[in-house]
Protein backbone atom coordinates (compact mmCIF):
# COMPACT_ATOMS: atom_id res chain seq x y z
CA UNK A 1 -15.16 8.71 24.64
CA UNK A 2 -17.04 9.49 28.08
CA UNK A 3 -16.72 13.23 27.37
CA UNK A 4 -18.43 12.77 23.59
CA UNK A 5 -21.21 10.70 25.07
CA UNK A 6 -21.99 13.28 27.61
CA UNK A 7 -21.98 16.29 25.30
CA UNK A 8 -25.43 17.56 24.19
CA UNK A 9 -24.57 17.34 20.16
CA UNK A 10 -24.19 13.77 20.76
CA UNK A 11 -27.59 13.27 22.57
CA UNK A 12 -29.29 15.55 19.96
CA UNK A 13 -28.09 13.52 16.99
CA UNK A 14 -28.83 10.42 18.99
CA UNK A 15 -32.32 11.36 19.12
CA UNK A 16 -32.57 12.41 15.42
CA UNK A 17 -31.07 9.16 14.21
CA UNK A 18 -33.73 7.25 16.57
CA UNK A 19 -36.66 9.23 14.89
CA UNK A 20 -35.22 8.22 11.53
CA UNK A 21 -34.96 4.63 12.21
CA UNK A 22 -38.64 4.73 13.56
CA UNK A 23 -39.51 6.72 10.35
CA UNK A 24 -37.84 4.07 8.16
CA UNK A 25 -39.91 1.15 9.68
CA UNK A 26 -43.15 3.22 9.29
CA UNK A 27 -42.49 3.68 5.72
CA UNK A 28 -41.93 0.26 5.07
CA UNK A 29 -45.39 -0.64 6.23
CA UNK A 30 -46.73 1.78 3.51
CA UNK A 31 -48.76 -0.25 0.68
CA UNK A 32 -47.77 0.33 -2.75
CA UNK A 33 -45.36 3.67 -2.23
CA UNK A 34 -43.67 3.60 -5.46
CA UNK A 35 -45.89 5.04 -7.97
CA UNK A 36 -49.43 6.87 -8.25
CA UNK A 37 -51.98 5.90 -10.59
CA UNK A 38 -52.35 7.10 -14.11
CA UNK A 39 -55.35 8.98 -13.24
CA UNK A 40 -53.92 10.94 -10.37
CA UNK A 41 -50.80 11.74 -11.87
CA UNK A 42 -53.04 13.10 -14.85
CA UNK A 43 -54.03 15.68 -12.43
CA UNK A 44 -50.85 17.09 -12.17
CA UNK A 45 -50.33 20.37 -13.93
CA UNK A 46 -46.76 20.85 -15.14
CA UNK A 47 -46.92 24.73 -15.09
CA UNK A 48 -48.28 24.88 -11.63
CA UNK A 49 -45.58 22.36 -10.33
CA UNK A 50 -43.00 24.30 -12.31
CA UNK A 51 -43.73 27.31 -10.45
CA UNK A 52 -44.19 26.00 -7.13
CA UNK A 53 -40.91 24.30 -7.11
CA UNK A 54 -39.07 27.41 -8.28
CA UNK A 55 -40.86 29.19 -5.76
CA UNK A 56 -39.64 26.62 -2.97
CA UNK A 57 -36.15 27.12 -4.10
CA UNK A 58 -36.64 31.28 -4.06
CA UNK A 59 -37.80 30.80 -0.50
CA UNK A 60 -34.84 28.41 0.37
CA UNK A 61 -32.71 31.34 -0.90
CA UNK A 62 -34.23 33.76 1.65
CA UNK A 63 -32.51 31.91 4.64
CA UNK A 64 -28.68 32.49 3.78
CA UNK A 65 -30.10 35.99 2.28
CA UNK A 66 -31.28 36.81 6.09
CA UNK A 67 -27.94 35.39 7.03
CA UNK A 68 -26.36 38.33 5.38
CA UNK A 69 -28.92 40.66 6.17
CA UNK A 70 -28.55 39.94 9.90
CA UNK A 71 -24.74 39.03 9.49
CA UNK A 72 -23.95 42.38 8.06
CA UNK A 73 -25.76 44.29 10.89
CA UNK A 74 -23.87 42.50 13.89
CA UNK A 75 -20.07 43.19 15.16
CA UNK A 76 -17.41 41.53 12.80
CA UNK A 77 -16.50 39.21 15.42
CA UNK A 78 -19.83 37.50 15.45
CA UNK A 79 -20.97 37.25 11.56
CA UNK A 80 -19.76 33.33 11.34
CA UNK A 81 -22.41 32.72 14.29
CA UNK A 82 -24.97 34.32 12.41
CA UNK A 83 -24.27 32.47 9.17
CA UNK A 84 -23.71 29.15 11.02
CA UNK A 85 -27.18 29.38 12.88
CA UNK A 86 -28.99 30.33 9.55
CA UNK A 87 -27.26 27.24 7.84
CA UNK A 88 -27.71 24.79 10.65
CA UNK A 89 -31.69 25.58 10.42
CA UNK A 90 -31.80 24.70 6.76
CA UNK A 91 -30.34 21.17 7.72
CA UNK A 92 -31.95 20.55 11.05
CA UNK A 93 -35.26 21.99 10.20
CA UNK A 94 -35.55 19.79 7.00
CA UNK A 95 -35.17 16.65 8.76
CA UNK A 96 -37.66 17.76 11.72
CA UNK A 97 -40.12 18.62 9.17
CA UNK A 98 -39.49 15.17 6.91
CA UNK A 99 -39.86 13.14 10.23
CA UNK A 100 -42.84 14.65 11.87
CA UNK A 101 -42.93 18.40 11.43
CA UNK A 102 -44.90 18.22 8.11
CA UNK A 103 -47.52 15.61 9.75
CA UNK A 104 -48.12 17.89 12.87
CA UNK A 105 -48.61 20.94 10.73
CA UNK A 106 -50.61 19.62 7.87
CA UNK A 107 -51.40 15.89 8.90
CA UNK A 108 -55.12 14.53 9.66
CA UNK A 109 -56.89 16.93 11.92
CA UNK A 110 -56.99 16.31 16.09
CA UNK A 111 -59.98 18.69 17.31
CA UNK A 112 -58.55 21.69 15.28
CA UNK A 113 -55.25 21.95 17.41
CA UNK A 114 -52.53 19.79 15.87
CA UNK A 115 -51.99 17.50 12.88
CA UNK A 116 -51.70 13.79 13.62
CA UNK A 117 -48.69 11.44 12.75
CA UNK A 118 -50.38 9.59 10.07
CA UNK A 119 -47.75 11.17 7.62
CA UNK A 120 -44.78 10.68 9.93
CA UNK A 121 -41.67 10.08 7.73
CA UNK A 122 -43.73 11.28 4.88
CA UNK A 123 -45.80 8.21 4.91
CA UNK A 124 -48.52 8.74 2.32
CA UNK A 125 -47.02 11.95 0.98
CA UNK A 126 -46.59 10.91 -2.52
CA UNK A 127 -46.23 12.11 -6.11
CA UNK A 128 -50.05 12.36 -6.46
CA UNK A 129 -51.62 15.52 -5.69
CA UNK A 130 -53.35 16.15 -2.33
CA UNK A 131 -56.82 17.92 -3.38
CA UNK A 132 -57.22 19.64 0.27
CA UNK A 133 -54.14 21.48 -0.18
CA UNK A 134 -53.18 21.61 -3.91
CA UNK A 135 -54.93 19.87 -6.47
CA UNK A 136 -52.52 20.52 -9.39
CA UNK A 137 -49.15 19.75 -8.09
CA UNK A 138 -47.70 16.54 -6.44
CA UNK A 139 -48.03 16.25 -2.68
CA UNK A 140 -44.40 16.35 -2.32
CA UNK A 141 -44.23 19.45 -4.11
CA UNK A 142 -46.37 21.02 -1.53
CA UNK A 143 -44.67 19.56 1.28
CA UNK A 144 -41.11 20.92 0.22
CA UNK A 145 -42.62 24.27 -0.30
CA UNK A 146 -43.90 24.57 3.16
CA UNK A 147 -40.66 23.10 4.51
CA UNK A 148 -38.86 26.39 3.23
CA UNK A 149 -41.30 28.45 5.79
CA UNK A 150 -40.58 26.08 8.54
CA UNK A 151 -36.96 26.95 8.09
CA UNK A 152 -36.89 30.53 7.83
CA UNK A 153 -39.26 31.11 10.84
CA UNK A 154 -36.94 30.28 13.55
CA UNK A 155 -34.12 31.94 11.44
CA UNK A 156 -35.94 35.07 11.87
CA UNK A 157 -35.88 34.53 15.66
CA UNK A 158 -32.42 34.59 16.11
CA UNK A 159 -32.10 38.63 15.25
CA UNK A 160 -33.20 38.98 18.60
CA UNK A 161 -30.73 37.24 20.51
CA UNK A 162 -27.97 37.63 18.16
CA UNK A 163 -24.31 37.86 19.61
CA UNK A 164 -25.07 36.19 22.98
CA UNK A 165 -26.76 32.72 22.80
CA UNK A 166 -24.96 29.22 23.06
CA UNK A 167 -24.87 27.61 19.83
CA UNK A 168 -26.09 24.15 21.33
CA UNK A 169 -28.88 25.38 23.25
CA UNK A 170 -29.78 27.37 19.89
CA UNK A 171 -30.01 24.10 18.13
CA UNK A 172 -32.31 22.71 20.82
CA UNK A 173 -34.27 25.53 21.10
CA UNK A 174 -34.80 25.73 17.48
CA UNK A 175 -35.92 22.17 17.05
CA UNK A 176 -38.28 22.32 20.09
CA UNK A 177 -39.55 25.71 19.01
CA UNK A 178 -40.50 24.56 15.31
CA UNK A 179 -42.33 21.23 17.28
CA UNK A 180 -44.43 22.79 19.78
CA UNK A 181 -45.01 26.83 18.40
CA UNK A 182 -44.51 26.64 14.78
CA UNK A 183 -46.16 23.48 13.60
CA UNK A 184 -49.29 23.99 15.77
CA UNK A 185 -49.68 27.63 14.62
CA UNK A 186 -49.48 26.39 11.10
CA UNK A 187 -52.06 23.87 11.48
CA UNK A 188 -54.26 26.21 12.90
CA UNK A 189 -54.19 28.89 10.31
CA UNK A 190 -53.46 26.38 7.15
CA UNK A 191 -54.13 23.01 8.07
CA UNK A 192 -57.27 21.32 6.98
CA UNK A 193 -59.49 21.26 10.09
CA UNK A 194 -57.46 24.29 12.00
CA UNK A 195 -59.63 26.09 14.17
CA UNK A 196 -58.45 29.46 12.80
CA UNK A 197 -58.93 28.51 9.29
CA UNK A 198 -62.32 27.38 10.14
CA UNK A 199 -62.95 30.80 11.60
CA UNK A 200 -62.20 32.60 8.65
CA UNK A 201 -58.74 34.06 9.45
CA UNK A 202 -56.90 35.12 6.31
CA UNK A 203 -53.19 34.51 5.75
CA UNK A 204 -52.25 33.91 2.36
CA UNK A 205 -48.43 33.45 2.88
CA UNK A 206 -47.45 33.67 6.57
CA UNK A 207 -48.00 36.97 8.26
CA UNK A 208 -49.37 35.29 11.26
CA UNK A 209 -47.72 31.73 10.78
CA UNK A 210 -44.47 33.25 10.11
CA UNK A 211 -44.01 36.59 11.12
CA UNK A 212 -46.21 37.32 14.19
CA UNK A 213 -45.17 33.92 15.83
CA UNK A 214 -41.52 34.48 15.02
CA UNK A 215 -41.53 38.22 16.26
CA UNK A 216 -43.14 37.76 19.36
CA UNK A 217 -40.82 34.85 20.21
CA UNK A 218 -38.31 37.36 19.30
CA UNK A 219 -39.48 39.68 21.96
CA UNK A 220 -40.03 36.67 24.46
CA UNK A 221 -36.24 35.69 23.56
CA UNK A 222 -34.89 39.14 24.02
CA UNK A 223 -36.44 39.27 27.40
CA UNK A 224 -35.26 35.98 28.93
CA UNK A 225 -31.58 36.40 27.54
CA UNK A 226 -31.04 39.99 28.61
CA UNK A 227 -29.19 42.77 27.02
CA UNK A 228 -25.92 42.30 25.36
CA UNK A 229 -22.84 43.81 27.17
CA UNK A 230 -22.29 47.31 26.99
CA UNK A 231 -26.00 47.99 25.51
CA UNK A 232 -27.11 50.46 24.48
CA UNK A 233 -23.99 52.82 24.70
CA UNK A 234 -21.21 50.55 23.87
CA UNK A 235 -22.56 48.50 21.02
CA UNK A 236 -20.46 49.04 17.53
CA UNK A 237 -22.93 49.94 14.61
CA UNK A 238 -23.52 47.60 11.77
CA UNK A 239 -20.00 46.21 10.68
CA UNK A 240 -20.72 45.82 6.77
CA UNK A 241 -24.10 47.54 5.47
CA UNK A 242 -23.05 46.00 1.82
CA UNK A 243 -23.63 42.71 3.28
CA UNK A 244 -26.97 43.85 4.66
CA UNK A 245 -27.92 45.62 1.50
CA UNK A 246 -27.38 42.22 -0.54
CA UNK A 247 -29.16 40.28 2.24
CA UNK A 248 -32.11 42.80 1.85
CA UNK A 249 -31.99 42.66 -2.02
CA UNK A 250 -31.97 38.81 -1.93
CA UNK A 251 -34.78 38.84 0.79
CA UNK A 252 -36.84 40.89 -1.86
CA UNK A 253 -36.11 38.50 -4.56
CA UNK A 254 -37.04 35.43 -2.79
CA UNK A 255 -40.15 37.06 -1.51
CA UNK A 256 -41.67 36.76 -4.78
CA UNK A 257 -41.63 32.84 -4.32
CA UNK A 258 -42.75 33.49 -0.75
CA UNK A 259 -45.90 35.24 -1.73
CA UNK A 260 -46.44 34.33 -5.15
CA UNK A 261 -45.77 30.52 -4.49
CA UNK A 262 -48.57 30.67 -1.98
CA UNK A 263 -51.14 30.71 -4.88
CA UNK A 264 -50.16 26.99 -5.47
CA UNK A 265 -50.69 27.62 -9.21
CA UNK A 266 -49.11 29.59 -12.07
CA UNK A 267 -51.95 32.03 -12.85
CA UNK A 268 -53.77 35.03 -11.90
CA UNK A 269 -53.58 34.71 -8.16
CA UNK A 270 -49.97 34.46 -8.44
CA UNK A 271 -49.71 37.16 -10.38
CA UNK A 272 -51.42 39.60 -7.84
CA UNK A 273 -49.31 38.32 -5.08
CA UNK A 274 -46.25 39.02 -7.05
CA UNK A 275 -47.20 42.46 -8.10
CA UNK A 276 -48.70 43.57 -4.70
CA UNK A 277 -45.53 42.25 -2.87
CA UNK A 278 -43.17 44.68 -4.98
CA UNK A 279 -45.27 47.77 -4.40
CA UNK A 280 -45.57 47.30 -0.74
CA UNK A 281 -41.87 46.86 -0.52
CA UNK A 282 -41.42 49.85 -2.60
CA UNK A 283 -44.06 51.81 -0.83
CA UNK A 284 -42.59 50.98 2.78
CA UNK A 285 -38.87 51.63 1.67
CA UNK A 286 -39.81 55.06 0.35
CA UNK A 287 -41.74 55.73 3.50
CA UNK A 288 -38.90 54.97 5.68
CA UNK A 289 -36.42 57.00 3.80
CA UNK A 290 -38.82 60.08 4.08
CA UNK A 291 -39.19 59.30 7.90
CA UNK A 292 -35.35 59.29 8.17
CA UNK A 293 -35.10 62.69 6.23
CA UNK A 294 -37.81 64.23 8.33
CA UNK A 295 -36.62 63.19 11.89
CA UNK A 296 -32.83 62.59 11.29
CA UNK A 297 -32.21 65.28 8.43
CA UNK A 298 -31.16 62.52 6.22
CA UNK A 299 -31.96 59.16 4.63
CA UNK A 300 -29.96 56.19 5.41
CA UNK A 301 -29.06 52.81 3.81
CA UNK A 302 -30.07 50.91 6.90
CA UNK A 303 -33.41 52.85 6.85
CA UNK A 304 -34.55 52.01 3.47
CA UNK A 305 -33.76 48.20 3.77
CA UNK A 306 -35.33 47.93 7.03
CA UNK A 307 -38.49 49.75 5.56
CA UNK A 308 -38.55 47.74 2.28
CA UNK A 309 -38.08 44.44 4.62
CA UNK A 310 -40.96 45.65 6.82
CA UNK A 311 -43.12 46.06 3.75
CA UNK A 312 -42.40 42.72 2.59
CA UNK A 313 -43.30 41.36 6.32
CA UNK A 314 -46.74 43.36 6.33
CA UNK A 315 -48.06 42.42 2.43
CA UNK A 316 -47.16 38.76 3.31
CA UNK A 317 -50.74 37.81 4.93
CA UNK A 318 -52.50 40.23 2.16
CA UNK A 319 -50.75 39.13 -0.98
CA UNK A 320 -53.39 36.97 -2.22
CA UNK A 321 -56.38 39.21 -1.20
CA UNK A 322 -55.74 43.04 -1.73
CA UNK A 323 -55.08 44.97 -4.86
CA UNK A 324 -52.03 47.12 -5.74
CA UNK A 325 -53.54 50.57 -3.98
CA UNK A 326 -54.08 48.41 -0.88
CA UNK A 327 -50.75 47.32 -1.27
CA UNK A 328 -49.37 51.07 -0.97
CA UNK A 329 -51.39 51.75 2.02
CA UNK A 330 -50.00 48.41 3.58
CA UNK A 331 -46.37 49.69 2.93
CA UNK A 332 -46.85 53.12 4.15
CA UNK A 333 -48.70 51.95 7.38
CA UNK A 334 -45.72 49.46 8.17
CA UNK A 335 -42.86 51.75 8.12
CA UNK A 336 -44.65 54.29 10.55
CA UNK A 337 -45.24 51.88 12.95
CA UNK A 338 -42.06 49.90 12.69
CA UNK A 339 -40.17 53.18 12.66
CA UNK A 340 -41.98 53.93 16.15
CA UNK A 341 -41.41 50.55 17.46
CA UNK A 342 -37.67 50.69 16.71
CA UNK A 343 -36.78 54.40 17.21
CA UNK A 344 -39.10 55.06 20.05
CA UNK A 345 -40.76 51.93 21.72
CA UNK A 346 -37.60 49.93 22.05
CA UNK A 347 -35.66 52.63 23.62
CA UNK A 348 -38.58 53.81 26.15
CA UNK A 349 -38.53 49.94 27.82
CA UNK A 350 -34.87 49.26 27.08
CA UNK A 351 -35.17 45.77 25.99
CA UNK A 352 -32.46 44.57 23.71
CA UNK A 353 -33.91 43.30 20.36
CA UNK A 354 -30.59 43.21 18.76
CA UNK A 355 -31.51 43.34 14.95
CA UNK A 356 -35.24 44.42 15.72
CA UNK A 357 -36.83 41.31 14.70
CA UNK A 358 -39.72 41.90 16.98
CA UNK A 359 -39.72 45.55 15.90
CA UNK A 360 -39.89 44.56 12.13
CA UNK A 361 -41.40 41.03 11.72
CA UNK A 362 -43.53 41.09 14.91
CA UNK A 363 -45.07 44.55 14.44
CA UNK A 364 -44.96 44.29 10.72
CA UNK A 365 -46.63 40.80 11.10
CA UNK A 366 -49.47 42.24 13.15
CA UNK A 367 -49.89 45.14 10.78
CA UNK A 368 -50.02 43.15 7.98
CA UNK A 369 -52.78 40.69 9.46
CA UNK A 370 -54.96 43.84 10.47
CA UNK A 371 -54.48 45.33 7.33
CA UNK A 372 -55.74 42.48 5.32
CA UNK A 373 -58.86 42.61 7.33
CA UNK A 374 -59.20 46.08 5.83
CA UNK A 375 -58.20 45.89 2.31
CA UNK A 376 -58.96 42.34 1.47
CA UNK A 377 -61.64 42.12 -1.60
CA UNK A 378 -63.23 39.29 -3.37
CA UNK A 379 -62.60 41.03 -6.61
CA UNK A 380 -58.93 39.75 -6.31
CA UNK A 381 -59.54 36.48 -4.95
CA UNK A 382 -63.18 35.07 -4.78
CA UNK A 383 -62.04 32.11 -2.22
CA UNK A 384 -61.01 35.13 0.33
CA UNK A 385 -63.21 37.68 1.87
CA UNK A 386 -64.10 41.24 1.88
CA UNK A 387 -62.58 43.54 4.35
CA UNK A 388 -63.67 46.18 6.24
CA UNK A 389 -63.26 49.11 3.53
CA UNK A 390 -65.27 46.73 1.37
CA UNK A 391 -68.29 46.25 3.54
CA UNK A 392 -67.08 43.60 5.82
CA UNK A 393 -66.14 44.77 9.19
CA UNK A 394 -66.52 41.14 10.79
CA UNK A 395 -63.29 40.16 8.72
CA UNK A 396 -61.18 42.63 10.59
CA UNK A 397 -62.41 41.24 13.92
CA UNK A 398 -61.35 37.69 12.91
CA UNK A 399 -58.07 38.94 11.93
CA UNK A 400 -57.72 40.61 15.39
CA UNK A 401 -58.71 37.53 17.23
CA UNK A 402 -56.13 35.44 15.25
CA UNK A 403 -53.40 37.81 15.92
CA UNK A 404 -54.19 38.02 19.83
CA UNK A 405 -54.42 34.30 20.00
CA UNK A 406 -51.23 33.50 17.84
CA UNK A 407 -49.26 36.33 19.67
CA UNK A 408 -50.34 35.12 23.23
CA UNK A 409 -49.41 31.22 22.48
CA UNK A 410 -46.01 32.05 20.90
CA UNK A 411 -45.04 34.42 23.70
CA UNK A 412 -45.98 32.23 26.68
CA UNK A 413 -44.42 29.01 25.41
CA UNK A 414 -41.54 30.43 23.97
CA UNK A 415 -40.82 32.32 27.30
CA UNK A 416 -41.30 29.16 29.13
CA UNK A 417 -39.37 27.18 26.77
CA UNK A 418 -36.45 29.23 27.16
CA UNK A 419 -36.60 29.24 30.97
CA UNK A 420 -36.35 25.45 31.04
CA UNK A 421 -33.45 25.41 28.73
CA UNK A 422 -31.64 27.80 30.53
CA UNK A 423 -32.21 25.80 33.68
CA UNK A 424 -30.98 22.51 32.04
CA UNK A 425 -28.31 23.87 29.44
CA UNK A 426 -27.86 27.43 29.94
CA UNK A 427 -28.98 30.01 27.24
CA UNK A 428 -25.95 32.69 27.11
CA UNK A 429 -22.40 32.49 26.23
CA UNK A 430 -20.03 33.02 29.01
CA UNK A 431 -19.00 36.69 29.51
CA UNK A 432 -15.69 36.26 28.26
CA UNK A 433 -17.18 34.39 25.13
CA UNK A 434 -19.32 37.30 24.20
CA UNK A 435 -16.54 39.56 24.64
CA UNK A 436 -14.04 37.60 22.33
CA UNK A 437 -16.90 37.21 19.98
CA UNK A 438 -19.13 34.03 18.91
CA UNK A 439 -17.12 33.09 15.88
CA UNK A 440 -14.01 32.28 17.74
CA UNK A 441 -15.34 30.92 20.92
CA UNK A 442 -18.41 28.73 19.26
CA UNK A 443 -16.71 27.94 16.01
CA UNK A 444 -12.95 28.35 16.45
CA UNK A 445 -13.15 30.51 12.96
CA UNK A 446 -13.06 34.00 11.95
CA UNK A 447 -14.82 35.59 9.35
CA UNK A 448 -12.05 38.02 8.64
CA UNK A 449 -8.29 37.47 8.87
CA UNK A 450 -7.50 41.15 8.02
CA UNK A 451 -8.33 43.94 10.09
CA UNK A 452 -8.95 47.63 9.07
């Protein structure tokens, strides 16, 4: 019993239980929480609500899809560790989001920096619409849609430290990172009163909030944890490319909810986001295949799926603001930049971004945010802004400012957080555990029972 009480998982669970009790008490003080007024419920549009709930489900699918994408790229002895980390995030970040994450991200504004705790435990987050965020769907529908973004963002980071982080530390890191990095940045860009939103920064579906944020955190993680044993010369190639292709295909599928759902309604804007999402992914996949052909004499499966995912990343912030031709250019540009990052810069600087989380999501997210400032047009979305190529160079500089602020904050806070956790808990699995593989040493399970 003493060993159990001293274990990190016990205290981790105890903290969550304490927050749950507090949330229960707070929610009990809410006045008339059971139903909205008929006039308020009459504002709910069933078509918009159906599309948003469907989109939320599509975005949730992206996390296990990412698990297969990443899992197929690691060595066979570590596939379950990737699947477990992704599935744990689906559980643990959901609870964090319900208890306080949503309130910190979208709750009543505090000086443009963070949301207050007025919505702690989803107090005052009911079935009536919130006109500030989504006037035609229940507030809880908007909340759960945003929860899926909060889940997948820290999942993207694990691609940088795959095969070497202790699972207990991973759990603590993920909750703390979601709280002190994701939630504030989310409020800056999307929350009512957030200072980047007030400045006019455009991020339709998460290029800044999700991809730059996670990609830069991934770079910090790779630098703090150091290289895998044997990197780069003794690292095996991806152990199961069909799994990676399955994951990439499901990511592409789920991304229609990721971007299309961010219109928060089932109309013309959702259609545009859906269409340009597909076009950008196709253009990026084709471009990467051609780059492989030019520089390596053959196109590869790994290359084309990496390019497609990069295209999906880059179009994310722009999907509600650019037309199909703009999407093609965004797709072409992201593959060129990410190809250089993965094939040249990572080799030159020697950091071990295991699955290119920074090289694809960080670089792709930065390009997508800046490209929004180039190709955005009010002809697509009157509520947006024109970009540089449509007569408004100021928008590009607004996007650039948002990129710099987000990247700097994410890198510094992630770096410091990891250093603190390393001193308290230790970040890396032992050398022996890494050699055996995290599936057996961290989870006492094996992904495969028969070896080829």
